[in-house]
Amino acid sequence: MAQLHFYIPDSMADIVKIKAEHAHLSVSKYLAELVKREVANQWPENYFDSFGNWEGEPLERPIQEAFEQRETLD
């Protein structure tokens, strides 16, 4: 497993420590979870390239019926 080293301001480090304590995690585990969550939620490569490229028969919208009349609330 890789180890990463980085620098953050002391004030931010204090906040990270508090958040890790509230999550009942070590600071290292807390930061690993943050990174995992951020990196894992990426869209797959070329995901949006397929939008609008329907290969089936043309889509047709059905005829829209008139709205029903409902009683009003007083």
C-alpha atoms as a PDB file:
ATOM      1  CA  MET A   1       0.000   0.000   0.000  1.00  0.00           C
ATOM      2  CA  ALA A   2       1.343   3.421  -0.942  1.00  0.00           C
ATOM      3  CA  GLN A   3       2.178   6.100   1.593  1.00  0.00           C
ATOM      4  CA  LEU A   4       1.530   9.720   0.725  1.00  0.00           C
ATOM      5  CA  HIS A   5       3.004  12.740   2.473  1.00  0.00           C
ATOM      6  CA  PHE A   6       1.538  16.220   2.208  1.00  0.00           C
ATOM      7  CA  TYR A   7       1.401  19.484   4.094  1.00  0.00           C
ATOM      8  CA  ILE A   8      -1.633  21.385   5.363  1.00  0.00           C
ATOM      9  CA  PRO A   9      -1.941  24.397   7.667  1.00  0.00           C
ATOM     10  CA  ASP A  10      -1.923  23.621  11.389  1.00  0.00           C
ATOM     11  CA  SER A  11      -5.447  24.971  11.796  1.00  0.00           C
ATOM     12  CA  MET A  12      -6.721  22.541   9.155  1.00  0.00           C
ATOM     13  CA  ALA A  13      -4.818  19.663  10.744  1.00  0.00           C
ATOM     14  CA  ASP A  14      -6.560  20.389  14.042  1.00  0.00           C
ATOM     15  CA  ILE A  15      -9.952  20.167  12.322  1.00  0.00           C
ATOM     16  CA  VAL A  16      -8.979  16.889  10.636  1.00  0.00           C
ATOM     17  CA  LYS A  17      -7.964  15.428  13.999  1.00  0.00           C
ATOM     18  CA  ILE A  18     -11.295  16.420  15.556  1.00  0.00           C
ATOM     19  CA  LYS A  19     -13.280  14.984  12.645  1.00  0.00           C
ATOM     20  CA  ALA A  20     -11.285  11.742  12.810  1.00  0.00           C
ATOM     21  CA  GLU A  21     -12.009  11.472  16.550  1.00  0.00           C
ATOM     22  CA  HIS A  22     -15.736  11.999  15.934  1.00  0.00           C
ATOM     23  CA  ALA A  23     -15.636   9.262  13.289  1.00  0.00           C
ATOM     24  CA  HIS A  24     -13.769   6.970  15.746  1.00  0.00           C
ATOM     25  CA  LEU A  25     -10.916   6.614  13.245  1.00  0.00           C
ATOM     26  CA  SER A  26      -7.232   7.361  13.256  1.00  0.00           C
ATOM     27  CA  VAL A  27      -6.261  10.432  11.257  1.00  0.00           C
ATOM     28  CA  SER A  28      -4.600   8.194   8.663  1.00  0.00           C
ATOM     29  CA  LYS A  29      -7.692   5.999   8.259  1.00  0.00           C
ATOM     30  CA  TYR A  30      -9.972   9.059   8.173  1.00  0.00           C
ATOM     31  CA  LEU A  31      -7.932  10.670   5.391  1.00  0.00           C
ATOM     32  CA  ALA A  32      -7.747   7.368   3.489  1.00  0.00           C
ATOM     33  CA  GLU A  33     -11.549   7.141   3.602  1.00  0.00           C
ATOM     34  CA  LEU A  34     -11.883  10.713   2.320  1.00  0.00           C
ATOM     35  CA  VAL A  35      -9.529  10.034  -0.571  1.00  0.00           C
ATOM     36  CA  LYS A  36     -11.233   6.731  -1.393  1.00  0.00           C
ATOM     37  CA  ARG A  37     -14.652   8.383  -1.428  1.00  0.00           C
ATOM     38  CA  GLU A  38     -13.443  11.226  -3.636  1.00  0.00           C
ATOM     39  CA  VAL A  39     -11.572   9.083  -6.150  1.00  0.00           C
ATOM     40  CA  ALA A  40     -14.071   6.212  -6.330  1.00  0.00           C
ATOM     41  CA  ASN A  41     -16.985   8.469  -7.300  1.00  0.00           C
ATOM     42  CA  GLN A  42     -15.570   9.429 -10.681  1.00  0.00           C
ATOM     43  CA  TRP A  43     -17.451   8.829 -13.903  1.00  0.00           C
ATOM     44  CA  PRO A  44     -15.949   6.098 -16.111  1.00  0.00           C
ATOM     45  CA  GLU A  45     -13.785   7.272 -18.983  1.00  0.00           C
ATOM     46  CA  ASN A  46     -15.862   8.361 -22.026  1.00  0.00           C
ATOM     47  CA  TYR A  47     -19.067   8.021 -19.963  1.00  0.00           C
ATOM     48  CA  PHE A  48     -20.740  11.109 -21.417  1.00  0.00           C
ATOM     49  CA  ASP A  49     -19.723  10.373 -25.017  1.00  0.00           C
ATOM     50  CA  SER A  50     -22.671   8.024 -25.472  1.00  0.00           C
ATOM     51  CA  PHE A  51     -25.374  10.531 -24.463  1.00  0.00           C
ATOM     52  CA  GLY A  52     -27.679  11.393 -27.347  1.00  0.00           C
ATOM     53  CA  ASN A  53     -26.482   8.474 -29.468  1.00  0.00           C
ATOM     54  CA  TRP A  54     -29.630   6.336 -29.558  1.00  0.00           C
ATOM     55  CA  GLU A  55     -29.189   3.413 -31.964  1.00  0.00           C
ATOM     56  CA  GLY A  56     -32.728   2.028 -31.921  1.00  0.00           C
ATOM     57  CA  GLU A  57     -35.868   3.120 -33.719  1.00  0.00           C
ATOM     58  CA  PRO A  58     -36.738   6.800 -33.421  1.00  0.00           C
ATOM     59  CA  LEU A  59     -38.422   7.653 -30.165  1.00  0.00           C
ATOM     60  CA  GLU A  60     -41.919   9.062 -30.471  1.00  0.00           C
ATOM     61  CA  ARG A  61     -43.752  10.898 -27.744  1.00  0.00           C
ATOM     62  CA  PRO A  62     -47.321   9.647 -27.284  1.00  0.00           C
ATOM     63  CA  ILE A  63     -50.212  12.054 -27.717  1.00  0.00           C
ATOM     64  CA  GLN A  64     -50.759  14.009 -24.525  1.00  0.00           C
ATOM     65  CA  GLU A  65     -54.266  13.792 -23.121  1.00  0.00           C
ATOM     66  CA  ALA A  66     -56.017  16.802 -21.578  1.00  0.00           C
ATOM     67  CA  PHE A  67     -55.457  17.383 -17.882  1.00  0.00           C
ATOM     68  CA  GLU A  68     -58.194  16.066 -15.664  1.00  0.00           C
ATOM     69  CA  GLN A  69     -60.290  18.597 -13.791  1.00  0.00           C
ATOM     70  CA  ARG A  70     -60.055  18.214 -10.040  1.00  0.00           C
ATOM     71  CA  GLU A  71     -62.072  19.733  -7.287  1.00  0.00           C
ATOM     72  CA  THR A  72     -60.423  22.708  -5.618  1.00  0.00           C
ATOM     73  CA  LEU A  73     -59.579  22.771  -1.953  1.00  0.00           C
ATOM     74  CA  ASP A  74     -61.276  25.487   0.036  1.00  0.00           C
END
